[in-house]
N, C-alpha and C. Protein backbone atom coordinates (compact mmCIF):
# COMPACT_ATOMS: atom_id res chain seq x y z
N UNK A 1 102.14 139.18 32.06
CA UNK A 1 101.72 137.81 31.97
C UNK A 1 100.84 137.63 30.74
N UNK A 2 101.33 136.89 29.79
CA UNK A 2 100.58 136.71 28.54
C UNK A 2 99.36 135.80 28.74
N UNK A 3 98.42 135.96 27.85
CA UNK A 3 97.21 135.14 27.86
C UNK A 3 97.41 133.95 26.93
N UNK A 4 96.84 132.81 27.31
CA UNK A 4 96.83 131.65 26.42
C UNK A 4 95.73 131.85 25.38
N UNK A 5 95.74 131.02 24.37
CA UNK A 5 94.69 131.11 23.34
C UNK A 5 93.33 130.83 23.97
N UNK A 6 93.26 129.87 24.89
CA UNK A 6 91.99 129.59 25.57
C UNK A 6 91.50 130.82 26.35
N UNK A 7 92.42 131.50 27.02
CA UNK A 7 92.05 132.69 27.79
C UNK A 7 91.60 133.82 26.86
N UNK A 8 92.29 133.99 25.76
CA UNK A 8 91.90 135.02 24.79
C UNK A 8 90.51 134.72 24.24
N UNK A 9 90.25 133.45 23.99
CA UNK A 9 88.95 133.05 23.47
C UNK A 9 87.84 133.37 24.47
N UNK A 10 88.09 133.08 25.74
CA UNK A 10 87.09 133.40 26.78
C UNK A 10 86.87 134.91 26.85
N UNK A 11 87.93 135.68 26.80
CA UNK A 11 87.78 137.14 26.83
C UNK A 11 86.93 137.60 25.66
N UNK A 12 87.23 137.10 24.47
CA UNK A 12 86.49 137.52 23.28
C UNK A 12 85.01 137.12 23.37
N UNK A 13 84.75 135.93 23.90
CA UNK A 13 83.36 135.48 24.05
C UNK A 13 82.56 136.40 24.96
N UNK A 14 83.21 136.87 26.02
CA UNK A 14 82.48 137.65 27.03
C UNK A 14 82.52 139.15 26.79
N UNK A 15 83.50 139.66 26.06
CA UNK A 15 83.54 141.11 25.88
C UNK A 15 83.04 141.54 24.51
N UNK A 16 83.07 140.64 23.54
CA UNK A 16 82.62 141.01 22.21
C UNK A 16 83.46 142.14 21.66
N UNK A 17 82.82 143.08 21.03
CA UNK A 17 83.52 144.23 20.45
C UNK A 17 83.66 145.39 21.42
N UNK A 18 83.01 145.29 22.56
CA UNK A 18 82.95 146.41 23.50
C UNK A 18 84.28 146.66 24.21
N UNK A 19 85.00 145.61 24.58
CA UNK A 19 86.28 145.70 25.29
C UNK A 19 86.19 146.59 26.54
N UNK A 20 85.17 146.33 27.34
CA UNK A 20 85.03 147.02 28.62
C UNK A 20 85.52 146.06 29.71
N UNK A 21 86.61 146.41 30.35
CA UNK A 21 87.25 145.53 31.33
C UNK A 21 86.31 145.11 32.45
N UNK A 22 85.66 146.08 33.09
CA UNK A 22 84.82 145.78 34.24
C UNK A 22 83.60 144.93 33.87
N UNK A 23 82.98 145.23 32.74
CA UNK A 23 81.82 144.45 32.30
C UNK A 23 82.24 143.03 31.93
N UNK A 24 83.41 142.89 31.32
CA UNK A 24 83.90 141.57 30.94
C UNK A 24 84.16 140.73 32.18
N UNK A 25 84.80 141.31 33.18
CA UNK A 25 85.04 140.60 34.44
C UNK A 25 83.71 140.17 35.06
N UNK A 26 82.75 141.07 35.10
CA UNK A 26 81.45 140.77 35.71
C UNK A 26 80.74 139.63 34.95
N UNK A 27 80.80 139.66 33.64
CA UNK A 27 80.15 138.61 32.84
C UNK A 27 80.81 137.25 33.06
N UNK A 28 82.13 137.24 33.09
CA UNK A 28 82.84 135.97 33.32
C UNK A 28 82.53 135.46 34.72
N UNK A 29 82.62 136.34 35.71
CA UNK A 29 82.37 135.95 37.10
C UNK A 29 80.95 135.40 37.26
N UNK A 30 79.97 136.01 36.60
CA UNK A 30 78.58 135.57 36.70
C UNK A 30 78.37 134.20 36.04
N UNK A 31 79.21 133.86 35.08
CA UNK A 31 79.06 132.60 34.36
C UNK A 31 79.74 131.42 35.03
N UNK A 32 80.67 131.69 35.92
CA UNK A 32 81.41 130.60 36.57
C UNK A 32 80.49 129.59 37.27
N UNK A 33 79.50 130.02 38.05
CA UNK A 33 78.64 129.04 38.73
C UNK A 33 77.85 128.14 37.77
N UNK A 34 77.62 128.62 36.56
CA UNK A 34 76.86 127.85 35.57
C UNK A 34 77.73 126.96 34.70
N UNK A 35 79.03 127.00 34.93
CA UNK A 35 79.98 126.23 34.13
C UNK A 35 80.28 124.92 34.85
N UNK A 36 80.02 123.82 34.17
CA UNK A 36 80.20 122.50 34.79
C UNK A 36 81.65 122.02 34.72
N UNK A 37 82.34 122.33 33.66
CA UNK A 37 83.70 121.83 33.43
C UNK A 37 84.69 122.53 34.36
N UNK A 38 85.33 121.75 35.23
CA UNK A 38 86.27 122.31 36.21
C UNK A 38 87.42 123.03 35.53
N UNK A 39 87.95 122.46 34.47
CA UNK A 39 89.08 123.08 33.77
C UNK A 39 88.70 124.44 33.20
N UNK A 40 87.49 124.54 32.66
CA UNK A 40 87.03 125.83 32.11
C UNK A 40 86.86 126.84 33.24
N UNK A 41 86.33 126.41 34.37
CA UNK A 41 86.19 127.32 35.53
C UNK A 41 87.56 127.86 35.94
N UNK A 42 88.56 126.99 35.96
CA UNK A 42 89.91 127.41 36.35
C UNK A 42 90.47 128.42 35.36
N UNK A 43 90.21 128.20 34.08
CA UNK A 43 90.67 129.16 33.05
C UNK A 43 89.96 130.49 33.24
N UNK A 44 88.66 130.44 33.50
CA UNK A 44 87.89 131.67 33.70
C UNK A 44 88.42 132.45 34.90
N UNK A 45 88.73 131.74 35.98
CA UNK A 45 89.27 132.41 37.18
C UNK A 45 90.65 133.01 36.90
N UNK A 46 91.45 132.32 36.10
CA UNK A 46 92.76 132.84 35.71
C UNK A 46 92.60 134.12 34.88
N UNK A 47 91.64 134.10 33.97
CA UNK A 47 91.38 135.28 33.14
C UNK A 47 90.99 136.47 34.01
N UNK A 48 90.12 136.24 34.98
CA UNK A 48 89.70 137.33 35.87
C UNK A 48 90.90 137.90 36.61
N UNK A 49 91.77 137.04 37.14
CA UNK A 49 92.96 137.52 37.86
C UNK A 49 93.85 138.37 36.94
N UNK A 50 94.07 137.88 35.73
CA UNK A 50 94.94 138.60 34.80
C UNK A 50 94.32 139.93 34.36
N UNK A 51 93.02 139.93 34.09
CA UNK A 51 92.36 141.18 33.68
C UNK A 51 92.37 142.19 34.83
N UNK A 52 92.14 141.71 36.05
CA UNK A 52 92.17 142.61 37.21
C UNK A 52 93.52 143.28 37.38
N UNK A 53 94.58 142.63 36.93
CA UNK A 53 95.93 143.19 37.05
C UNK A 53 96.23 144.21 35.96
N UNK A 54 95.33 144.34 35.01
CA UNK A 54 95.54 145.27 33.89
C UNK A 54 94.80 146.58 34.12
N UNK A 55 95.30 147.63 33.49
CA UNK A 55 94.55 148.88 33.48
C UNK A 55 93.44 148.76 32.42
N UNK A 56 92.47 149.63 32.51
CA UNK A 56 91.40 149.63 31.52
C UNK A 56 91.95 149.92 30.13
N UNK A 57 92.94 150.80 30.04
CA UNK A 57 93.53 151.13 28.75
C UNK A 57 94.26 149.92 28.15
N UNK A 58 95.03 149.21 28.96
CA UNK A 58 95.74 148.03 28.47
C UNK A 58 94.74 146.96 28.02
N UNK A 59 93.65 146.82 28.77
CA UNK A 59 92.64 145.84 28.38
C UNK A 59 92.03 146.20 27.03
N UNK A 60 91.74 147.47 26.83
CA UNK A 60 91.13 147.89 25.56
C UNK A 60 92.07 147.72 24.38
N UNK A 61 93.36 147.60 24.65
CA UNK A 61 94.35 147.40 23.58
C UNK A 61 94.63 145.93 23.29
N UNK A 62 94.01 145.03 24.04
CA UNK A 62 94.27 143.59 23.84
C UNK A 62 93.98 143.16 22.41
N UNK A 63 94.87 142.37 21.86
CA UNK A 63 94.67 141.80 20.53
C UNK A 63 93.98 140.45 20.71
N UNK A 64 92.74 140.37 20.30
CA UNK A 64 91.95 139.15 20.46
C UNK A 64 91.88 138.34 19.17
N UNK A 65 92.71 138.68 18.22
CA UNK A 65 92.65 138.02 16.91
C UNK A 65 93.04 136.54 16.96
N UNK A 66 93.72 136.11 18.03
CA UNK A 66 94.15 134.72 18.15
C UNK A 66 93.06 133.82 18.76
N UNK A 67 91.91 134.43 19.09
CA UNK A 67 90.83 133.66 19.72
C UNK A 67 90.33 132.57 18.77
N UNK A 68 89.94 131.46 19.37
CA UNK A 68 89.37 130.37 18.59
C UNK A 68 87.98 130.81 18.14
N UNK A 69 87.73 130.70 16.85
CA UNK A 69 86.45 131.12 16.29
C UNK A 69 85.47 129.95 16.36
N UNK A 70 84.45 130.10 17.17
CA UNK A 70 83.48 129.03 17.36
C UNK A 70 82.40 129.02 16.28
N UNK A 71 82.44 129.96 15.37
CA UNK A 71 81.43 130.02 14.30
C UNK A 71 81.78 129.11 13.12
N UNK A 72 83.01 128.65 13.09
CA UNK A 72 83.45 127.84 11.95
C UNK A 72 83.06 126.40 12.11
């Protein structure tokens, strides 16, 4: 199941350069209650489901280059 650009962006925001699957899931999960936008919450929950279905090795191989760069 491929990730959307929005999902890739969320992954990149929460994992940074570390690419640790379990820590990324925990960070996203912890942020959901503080997120007001329902659509963003749904995307975050989708990301967690998809990451949970991956092995740690597959997660570490994810190409996050398509993420939206919020620094620009």
